[in-house]
Amino acid sequence: AIDRGIDVGIDEGLRIERACYDVTLYSEDRDE
């Protein structure tokens, strides 16, 4: 999220952040 978001506008950066967040949201580690 940091590496892909650093060179784009804030709106696109937040979209990237959310997409990366969703990957962790549905993980076993999140439940643990």
PDB file of all heavy atoms in Angstrom:
ATOM      1  N   ALA A   1       0.828  -1.205   0.000  1.00  0.00           N
ATOM      2  CA  ALA A   1       0.000   0.000   0.000  1.00  0.00           C
ATOM      3  C   ALA A   1       0.863   1.256   0.000  1.00  0.00           C
ATOM      4  O   ALA A   1       0.559   2.231  -0.703  1.00  0.00           O
ATOM      5  CB  ALA A   1      -0.927  -0.011   1.213  1.00  0.00           C
ATOM      6  N   ILE A   2       1.935   1.235   0.772  1.00  0.00           N
ATOM      7  CA  ILE A   2       2.839   2.392   0.802  1.00  0.00           C
ATOM      8  C   ILE A   2       3.526   2.581  -0.542  1.00  0.00           C
ATOM      9  O   ILE A   2       3.542   3.687  -1.114  1.00  0.00           O
ATOM     10  CB  ILE A   2       3.884   2.233   1.923  1.00  0.00           C
ATOM     11  CG1 ILE A   2       3.214   2.257   3.302  1.00  0.00           C
ATOM     12  CG2 ILE A   2       4.936   3.338   1.835  1.00  0.00           C
ATOM     13  CD1 ILE A   2       4.136   1.862   4.440  1.00  0.00           C
ATOM     14  N   ASP A   3       4.125   1.505  -1.053  1.00  0.00           N
ATOM     15  CA  ASP A   3       4.909   1.608  -2.279  1.00  0.00           C
ATOM     16  C   ASP A   3       4.054   1.994  -3.483  1.00  0.00           C
ATOM     17  O   ASP A   3       4.465   2.806  -4.314  1.00  0.00           O
ATOM     18  CB  ASP A   3       5.620   0.278  -2.555  1.00  0.00           C
ATOM     19  CG  ASP A   3       6.774   0.021  -1.600  1.00  0.00           C
ATOM     20  OD1 ASP A   3       7.154   0.959  -0.876  1.00  0.00           O
ATOM     21  OD2 ASP A   3       7.280  -1.118  -1.570  1.00  0.00           O
ATOM     22  N   ARG A   4       2.858   1.425  -3.580  1.00  0.00           N
ATOM     23  CA  ARG A   4       1.996   1.750  -4.723  1.00  0.00           C
ATOM     24  C   ARG A   4       1.300   3.101  -4.549  1.00  0.00           C
ATOM     25  O   ARG A   4       0.984   3.772  -5.538  1.00  0.00           O
ATOM     26  CB  ARG A   4       0.942   0.656  -4.915  1.00  0.00           C
ATOM     27  CG  ARG A   4       1.496  -0.670  -5.401  1.00  0.00           C
ATOM     28  CD  ARG A   4       0.393  -1.711  -5.490  1.00  0.00           C
ATOM     29  NE  ARG A   4      -0.692  -1.262  -6.355  1.00  0.00           N
ATOM     30  CZ  ARG A   4      -1.915  -1.794  -6.349  1.00  0.00           C
ATOM     31  NH1 ARG A   4      -2.203  -2.773  -5.499  1.00  0.00           N
ATOM     32  NH2 ARG A   4      -2.844  -1.341  -7.165  1.00  0.00           N
ATOM     33  N   GLY A   5       1.081   3.520  -3.331  1.00  0.00           N
ATOM     34  CA  GLY A   5       0.337   4.748  -3.091  1.00  0.00           C
ATOM     35  C   GLY A   5       1.160   6.017  -3.071  1.00  0.00           C
ATOM     36  O   GLY A   5       0.611   7.111  -3.194  1.00  0.00           O
ATOM     37  N   ILE A   6       2.495   5.879  -2.925  1.00  0.00           N
ATOM     38  CA  ILE A   6       3.337   7.057  -2.713  1.00  0.00           C
ATOM     39  C   ILE A   6       3.352   8.000  -3.917  1.00  0.00           C
ATOM     40  O   ILE A   6       3.538   9.208  -3.779  1.00  0.00           O
ATOM     41  CB  ILE A   6       4.783   6.636  -2.354  1.00  0.00           C
ATOM     42  CG1 ILE A   6       5.594   7.832  -1.850  1.00  0.00           C
ATOM     43  CG2 ILE A   6       5.476   5.978  -3.538  1.00  0.00           C
ATOM     44  CD1 ILE A   6       5.133   8.370  -0.536  1.00  0.00           C
ATOM     45  N   ASP A   7       3.153   7.465  -5.109  1.00  0.00           N
ATOM     46  CA  ASP A   7       3.289   8.284  -6.313  1.00  0.00           C
ATOM     47  C   ASP A   7       1.964   8.585  -7.008  1.00  0.00           C
ATOM     48  O   ASP A   7       1.933   9.027  -8.152  1.00  0.00           O
ATOM     49  CB  ASP A   7       4.229   7.603  -7.315  1.00  0.00           C
ATOM     50  CG  ASP A   7       5.650   7.524  -6.795  1.00  0.00           C
ATOM     51  OD1 ASP A   7       6.091   8.492  -6.148  1.00  0.00           O
ATOM     52  OD2 ASP A   7       6.305   6.495  -7.025  1.00  0.00           O
ATOM     53  N   VAL A   8       0.840   8.353  -6.314  1.00  0.00           N
ATOM     54  CA  VAL A   8      -0.465   8.644  -6.909  1.00  0.00           C
ATOM     55  C   VAL A   8      -1.207   9.652  -6.039  1.00  0.00           C
ATOM     56  O   VAL A   8      -0.791   9.967  -4.924  1.00  0.00           O
ATOM     57  CB  VAL A   8      -1.304   7.358  -7.063  1.00  0.00           C
ATOM     58  CG1 VAL A   8      -0.576   6.345  -7.944  1.00  0.00           C
ATOM     59  CG2 VAL A   8      -1.624   6.739  -5.711  1.00  0.00           C
ATOM     60  N   GLY A   9      -2.302  10.165  -6.554  1.00  0.00           N
ATOM     61  CA  GLY A   9      -3.115  11.096  -5.787  1.00  0.00           C
ATOM     62  C   GLY A   9      -3.754  10.413  -4.587  1.00  0.00           C
ATOM     63  O   GLY A   9      -3.832   9.176  -4.519  1.00  0.00           O
ATOM     64  N   ILE A  10      -4.256  11.205  -3.646  1.00  0.00           N
ATOM     65  CA  ILE A  10      -4.791  10.668  -2.406  1.00  0.00           C
ATOM     66  C   ILE A  10      -5.981   9.744  -2.649  1.00  0.00           C
ATOM     67  O   ILE A  10      -6.110   8.699  -1.991  1.00  0.00           O
ATOM     68  CB  ILE A  10      -5.182  11.813  -1.428  1.00  0.00           C
ATOM     69  CG1 ILE A  10      -5.647  11.245  -0.081  1.00  0.00           C
ATOM     70  CG2 ILE A  10      -6.224  12.722  -2.047  1.00  0.00           C
ATOM     71  CD1 ILE A  10      -4.573  10.529   0.691  1.00  0.00           C
ATOM     72  N   ASP A  11      -6.844  10.076  -3.587  1.00  0.00           N
ATOM     73  CA  ASP A  11      -8.007   9.231  -3.836  1.00  0.00           C
ATOM     74  C   ASP A  11      -7.590   7.848  -4.337  1.00  0.00           C
ATOM     75  O   ASP A  11      -8.109   6.824  -3.879  1.00  0.00           O
ATOM     76  CB  ASP A  11      -8.948   9.890  -4.851  1.00  0.00           C
ATOM     77  CG  ASP A  11      -9.653  11.109  -4.275  1.00  0.00           C
ATOM     78  OD1 ASP A  11      -9.738  11.207  -3.032  1.00  0.00           O
ATOM     79  OD2 ASP A  11     -10.115  11.956  -5.066  1.00  0.00           O
ATOM     80  N   GLU A  12      -6.658   7.817  -5.280  1.00  0.00           N
ATOM     81  CA  GLU A  12      -6.177   6.537  -5.786  1.00  0.00           C
ATOM     82  C   GLU A  12      -5.394   5.802  -4.691  1.00  0.00           C
ATOM     83  O   GLU A  12      -5.489   4.580  -4.561  1.00  0.00           O
ATOM     84  CB  GLU A  12      -5.283   6.742  -7.016  1.00  0.00           C
ATOM     85  CG  GLU A  12      -4.653   5.482  -7.580  1.00  0.00           C
ATOM     86  CD  GLU A  12      -5.657   4.471  -8.103  1.00  0.00           C
ATOM     87  OE1 GLU A  12      -6.853   4.811  -8.221  1.00  0.00           O
ATOM     88  OE2 GLU A  12      -5.244   3.337  -8.393  1.00  0.00           O
ATOM     89  N   GLY A  13      -4.645   6.556  -3.902  1.00  0.00           N
ATOM     90  CA  GLY A  13      -3.913   5.945  -2.803  1.00  0.00           C
ATOM     91  C   GLY A  13      -4.837   5.274  -1.794  1.00  0.00           C
ATOM     92  O   GLY A  13      -4.561   4.175  -1.299  1.00  0.00           O
ATOM     93  N   LEU A  14      -5.944   5.919  -1.484  1.00  0.00           N
ATOM     94  CA  LEU A  14      -6.914   5.331  -0.552  1.00  0.00           C
ATOM     95  C   LEU A  14      -7.583   4.096  -1.156  1.00  0.00           C
ATOM     96  O   LEU A  14      -7.906   3.143  -0.433  1.00  0.00           O
ATOM     97  CB  LEU A  14      -7.965   6.375  -0.178  1.00  0.00           C
ATOM     98  CG  LEU A  14      -7.459   7.532   0.699  1.00  0.00           C
ATOM     99  CD1 LEU A  14      -8.531   8.598   0.849  1.00  0.00           C
ATOM    100  CD2 LEU A  14      -7.003   7.025   2.059  1.00  0.00           C
ATOM    101  N   ARG A  15      -7.774   4.101  -2.473  1.00  0.00           N
ATOM    102  CA  ARG A  15      -8.339   2.915  -3.122  1.00  0.00           C
ATOM    103  C   ARG A  15      -7.373   1.738  -3.002  1.00  0.00           C
ATOM    104  O   ARG A  15      -7.789   0.601  -2.718  1.00  0.00           O
ATOM    105  CB  ARG A  15      -8.626   3.214  -4.602  1.00  0.00           C
ATOM    106  CG  ARG A  15      -9.394   2.104  -5.304  1.00  0.00           C
ATOM    107  CD  ARG A  15      -9.327   2.234  -6.809  1.00  0.00           C
ATOM    108  NE  ARG A  15      -7.974   2.040  -7.301  1.00  0.00           N
ATOM    109  CZ  ARG A  15      -7.394   0.839  -7.431  1.00  0.00           C
ATOM    110  NH1 ARG A  15      -8.050  -0.259  -7.090  1.00  0.00           N
ATOM    111  NH2 ARG A  15      -6.179   0.746  -7.899  1.00  0.00           N
ATOM    112  N   ILE A  16      -6.095   2.027  -3.219  1.00  0.00           N
ATOM    113  CA  ILE A  16      -5.074   0.987  -3.089  1.00  0.00           C
ATOM    114  C   ILE A  16      -5.015   0.477  -1.652  1.00  0.00           C
ATOM    115  O   ILE A  16      -4.951  -0.732  -1.399  1.00  0.00           O
ATOM    116  CB  ILE A  16      -3.691   1.531  -3.515  1.00  0.00           C
ATOM    117  CG1 ILE A  16      -3.680   1.801  -5.025  1.00  0.00           C
ATOM    118  CG2 ILE A  16      -2.576   0.571  -3.131  1.00  0.00           C
ATOM    119  CD1 ILE A  16      -2.467   2.564  -5.502  1.00  0.00           C
ATOM    120  N   GLU A  17      -5.065   1.391  -0.702  1.00  0.00           N
ATOM    121  CA  GLU A  17      -5.031   1.005   0.713  1.00  0.00           C
ATOM    122  C   GLU A  17      -6.194   0.080   1.051  1.00  0.00           C
ATOM    123  O   GLU A  17      -6.022  -0.935   1.740  1.00  0.00           O
ATOM    124  CB  GLU A  17      -5.067   2.250   1.596  1.00  0.00           C
ATOM    125  CG  GLU A  17      -5.032   1.937   3.088  1.00  0.00           C
ATOM    126  CD  GLU A  17      -5.196   3.190   3.923  1.00  0.00           C
ATOM    127  OE1 GLU A  17      -6.304   3.783   3.885  1.00  0.00           O
ATOM    128  OE2 GLU A  17      -4.241   3.579   4.595  1.00  0.00           O
ATOM    129  N   ARG A  18      -7.395   0.425   0.574  1.00  0.00           N
ATOM    130  CA  ARG A  18      -8.569  -0.389   0.875  1.00  0.00           C
ATOM    131  C   ARG A  18      -8.450  -1.785   0.264  1.00  0.00           C
ATOM    132  O   ARG A  18      -8.808  -2.795   0.898  1.00  0.00           O
ATOM    133  CB  ARG A  18      -9.836   0.295   0.375  1.00  0.00           C
ATOM    134  CG  ARG A  18     -11.111  -0.519   0.604  1.00  0.00           C
ATOM    135  CD  ARG A  18     -11.305  -0.889   2.087  1.00  0.00           C
ATOM    136  NE  ARG A  18     -12.384  -1.836   2.264  1.00  0.00           N
ATOM    137  CZ  ARG A  18     -13.658  -1.476   2.493  1.00  0.00           C
ATOM    138  NH1 ARG A  18     -13.979  -0.183   2.555  1.00  0.00           N
ATOM    139  NH2 ARG A  18     -14.587  -2.385   2.662  1.00  0.00           N
ATOM    140  N   ALA A  19      -7.955  -1.854  -0.957  1.00  0.00           N
ATOM    141  CA  ALA A  19      -7.795  -3.153  -1.609  1.00  0.00           C
ATOM    142  C   ALA A  19      -6.815  -4.027  -0.838  1.00  0.00           C
ATOM    143  O   ALA A  19      -7.040  -5.235  -0.663  1.00  0.00           O
ATOM    144  CB  ALA A  19      -7.324  -2.960  -3.051  1.00  0.00           C
ATOM    145  N   CYS A  20      -5.736  -3.430  -0.345  1.00  0.00           N
ATOM    146  CA  CYS A  20      -4.756  -4.183   0.445  1.00  0.00           C
ATOM    147  C   CYS A  20      -5.344  -4.573   1.797  1.00  0.00           C
ATOM    148  O   CYS A  20      -5.087  -5.672   2.313  1.00  0.00           O
ATOM    149  CB  CYS A  20      -3.488  -3.363   0.636  1.00  0.00           C
ATOM    150  SG  CYS A  20      -2.522  -3.122  -0.878  1.00  0.00           S
ATOM    151  N   TYR A  21      -6.149  -3.690   2.361  1.00  0.00           N
ATOM    152  CA  TYR A  21      -6.777  -3.973   3.653  1.00  0.00           C
ATOM    153  C   TYR A  21      -7.723  -5.163   3.541  1.00  0.00           C
ATOM    154  O   TYR A  21      -7.769  -6.028   4.424  1.00  0.00           O
ATOM    155  CB  TYR A  21      -7.538  -2.743   4.145  1.00  0.00           C
ATOM    156  CG  TYR A  21      -8.183  -2.934   5.498  1.00  0.00           C
ATOM    157  CD1 TYR A  21      -7.474  -2.687   6.661  1.00  0.00           C
ATOM    158  CD2 TYR A  21      -9.500  -3.371   5.601  1.00  0.00           C
ATOM    159  CE1 TYR A  21      -8.061  -2.864   7.911  1.00  0.00           C
ATOM    160  CE2 TYR A  21     -10.099  -3.555   6.833  1.00  0.00           C
ATOM    161  CZ  TYR A  21      -9.371  -3.294   7.993  1.00  0.00           C
ATOM    162  OH  TYR A  21      -9.957  -3.497   9.217  1.00  0.00           O
ATOM    163  N   ASP A  22      -8.487  -5.209   2.451  1.00  0.00           N
ATOM    164  CA  ASP A  22      -9.461  -6.279   2.283  1.00  0.00           C
ATOM    165  C   ASP A  22      -8.797  -7.647   2.219  1.00  0.00           C
ATOM    166  O   ASP A  22      -9.379  -8.649   2.635  1.00  0.00           O
ATOM    167  CB  ASP A  22     -10.294  -6.041   1.023  1.00  0.00           C
ATOM    168  CG  ASP A  22     -11.332  -4.937   1.215  1.00  0.00           C
ATOM    169  OD1 ASP A  22     -11.544  -4.530   2.374  1.00  0.00           O
ATOM    170  OD2 ASP A  22     -11.910  -4.478   0.214  1.00  0.00           O
ATOM    171  N   VAL A  23      -7.575  -7.704   1.704  1.00  0.00           N
ATOM    172  CA  VAL A  23      -6.857  -8.982   1.659  1.00  0.00           C
ATOM    173  C   VAL A  23      -6.594  -9.491   3.070  1.00  0.00           C
ATOM    174  O   VAL A  23      -6.721 -10.681   3.353  1.00  0.00           O
ATOM    175  CB  VAL A  23      -5.536  -8.835   0.883  1.00  0.00           C
ATOM    176  CG1 VAL A  23      -4.703 -10.104   0.983  1.00  0.00           C
ATOM    177  CG2 VAL A  23      -5.813  -8.498  -0.581  1.00  0.00           C
ATOM    178  N   THR A  24      -6.234  -8.578   3.972  1.00  0.00           N
ATOM    179  CA  THR A  24      -5.970  -8.997   5.355  1.00  0.00           C
ATOM    180  C   THR A  24      -7.270  -9.224   6.125  1.00  0.00           C
ATOM    181  O   THR A  24      -7.307 -10.028   7.061  1.00  0.00           O
ATOM    182  CB  THR A  24      -5.114  -7.945   6.089  1.00  0.00           C
ATOM    183  OG1 THR A  24      -5.831  -6.695   6.156  1.00  0.00           O
ATOM    184  CG2 THR A  24      -3.802  -7.713   5.363  1.00  0.00           C
ATOM    185  N   LEU A  25      -8.319  -8.528   5.740  1.00  0.00           N
ATOM    186  CA  LEU A  25      -9.596  -8.628   6.457  1.00  0.00           C
ATOM    187  C   LEU A  25     -10.142 -10.050   6.440  1.00  0.00           C
ATOM    188  O   LEU A  25     -10.695 -10.523   7.438  1.00  0.00           O
ATOM    189  CB  LEU A  25     -10.608  -7.663   5.836  1.00  0.00           C
ATOM    190  CG  LEU A  25     -12.011  -7.626   6.466  1.00  0.00           C
ATOM    191  CD1 LEU A  25     -11.932  -7.169   7.911  1.00  0.00           C
ATOM    192  CD2 LEU A  25     -12.919  -6.711   5.652  1.00  0.00           C
ATOM    193  N   TYR A  26      -9.976 -10.717   5.313  1.00  0.00           N
ATOM    194  CA  TYR A  26     -10.519 -12.068   5.172  1.00  0.00           C
ATOM    195  C   TYR A  26      -9.413 -13.127   5.321  1.00  0.00           C
ATOM    196  O   TYR A  26      -9.372 -14.109   4.597  1.00  0.00           O
ATOM    197  CB  TYR A  26     -11.216 -12.202   3.820  1.00  0.00           C
ATOM    198  CG  TYR A  26     -12.385 -11.257   3.676  1.00  0.00           C
ATOM    199  CD1 TYR A  26     -12.254 -10.082   2.948  1.00  0.00           C
ATOM    200  CD2 TYR A  26     -13.598 -11.519   4.306  1.00  0.00           C
ATOM    201  CE1 TYR A  26     -13.317  -9.184   2.835  1.00  0.00           C
ATOM    202  CE2 TYR A  26     -14.665 -10.636   4.199  1.00  0.00           C
ATOM    203  CZ  TYR A  26     -14.518  -9.472   3.460  1.00  0.00           C
ATOM    204  OH  TYR A  26     -15.570  -8.588   3.363  1.00  0.00           O
ATOM    205  N   SER A  27      -8.539 -12.922   6.279  1.00  0.00           N
ATOM    206  CA  SER A  27      -7.442 -13.859   6.508  1.00  0.00           C
ATOM    207  C   SER A  27      -7.591 -14.558   7.852  1.00  0.00           C
ATOM    208  O   SER A  27      -8.236 -14.046   8.781  1.00  0.00           O
ATOM    209  CB  SER A  27      -6.095 -13.122   6.473  1.00  0.00           C
ATOM    210  OG  SER A  27      -5.978 -12.243   7.581  1.00  0.00           O
ATOM    211  N   GLU A  28      -6.985 -15.726   7.962  1.00  0.00           N
ATOM    212  CA  GLU A  28      -6.984 -16.454   9.227  1.00  0.00           C
ATOM    213  C   GLU A  28      -6.205 -15.681  10.293  1.00  0.00           C
ATOM    214  O   GLU A  28      -6.554 -15.730  11.479  1.00  0.00           O
ATOM    215  CB  GLU A  28      -6.376 -17.843   9.028  1.00  0.00           C
ATOM    216  CG  GLU A  28      -7.209 -18.768   8.155  1.00  0.00           C
ATOM    217  CD  GLU A  28      -6.568 -20.128   7.981  1.00  0.00           C
ATOM    218  OE1 GLU A  28      -5.680 -20.475   8.797  1.00  0.00           O
ATOM    219  OE2 GLU A  28      -6.942 -20.848   7.044  1.00  0.00           O
ATOM    220  N   ASP A  29      -5.153 -14.990   9.871  1.00  0.00           N
ATOM    221  CA  ASP A  29      -4.360 -14.229  10.830  1.00  0.00           C
ATOM    222  C   ASP A  29      -5.167 -13.099  11.461  1.00  0.00           C
ATOM    223  O   ASP A  29      -4.952 -12.749  12.631  1.00  0.00           O
ATOM    224  CB  ASP A  29      -3.107 -13.659  10.146  1.00  0.00           C
ATOM    225  CG  ASP A  29      -1.992 -14.686  10.050  1.00  0.00           C
ATOM    226  OD1 ASP A  29      -2.103 -15.736  10.707  1.00  0.00           O
ATOM    227  OD2 ASP A  29      -1.015 -14.435   9.330  1.00  0.00           O
ATOM    228  N   ARG A  30      -6.078 -12.527  10.706  1.00  0.00           N
ATOM    229  CA  ARG A  30      -6.930 -11.474  11.275  1.00  0.00           C
ATOM    230  C   ARG A  30      -7.789 -12.054  12.388  1.00  0.00           C
ATOM    231  O   ARG A  30      -7.913 -11.464  13.475  1.00  0.00           O
ATOM    232  CB  ARG A  30      -7.795 -10.866  10.181  1.00  0.00           C
ATOM    233  CG  ARG A  30      -8.677  -9.716  10.634  1.00  0.00           C
ATOM    234  CD  ARG A  30     -10.118 -10.170  10.827  1.00  0.00           C
ATOM    235  NE  ARG A  30     -11.007  -9.046  11.096  1.00  0.00           N
ATOM    236  CZ  ARG A  30     -12.293  -9.174  11.381  1.00  0.00           C
ATOM    237  NH1 ARG A  30     -12.836 -10.383  11.451  1.00  0.00           N
ATOM    238  NH2 ARG A  30     -13.038  -8.108  11.615  1.00  0.00           N
ATOM    239  N   ASP A  31      -8.370 -13.228  12.159  1.00  0.00           N
ATOM    240  CA  ASP A  31      -9.177 -13.870  13.196  1.00  0.00           C
ATOM    241  C   ASP A  31      -8.327 -14.230  14.404  1.00  0.00           C
ATOM    242  O   ASP A  31      -8.748 -14.059  15.560  1.00  0.00           O
ATOM    243  CB  ASP A  31      -9.839 -15.129  12.632  1.00  0.00           C
ATOM    244  CG  ASP A  31     -10.826 -14.810  11.515  1.00  0.00           C
ATOM    245  OD1 ASP A  31     -11.324 -13.668  11.479  1.00  0.00           O
ATOM    246  OD2 ASP A  31     -11.086 -15.694  10.687  1.00  0.00           O
ATOM    247  N   GLU A  32      -7.106 -14.715  14.143  1.00  0.00           N
ATOM    248  CA  GLU A  32      -6.206 -15.080  15.238  1.00  0.00           C
ATOM    249  C   GLU A  32      -5.791 -13.854  16.037  1.00  0.00           C
ATOM    250  O   GLU A  32      -5.714 -13.887  17.271  1.00  0.00           O
ATOM    251  CB  GLU A  32      -4.972 -15.785  14.682  1.00  0.00           C
ATOM    252  CG  GLU A  32      -3.787 -15.903  15.633  1.00  0.00           C
ATOM    253  CD  GLU A  32      -4.071 -16.705  16.893  1.00  0.00           C
ATOM    254  OE1 GLU A  32      -5.108 -17.422  16.955  1.00  0.00           O
ATOM    255  OE2 GLU A  32      -3.271 -16.609  17.842  1.00  0.00           O
TER     256      GLU A  32
END
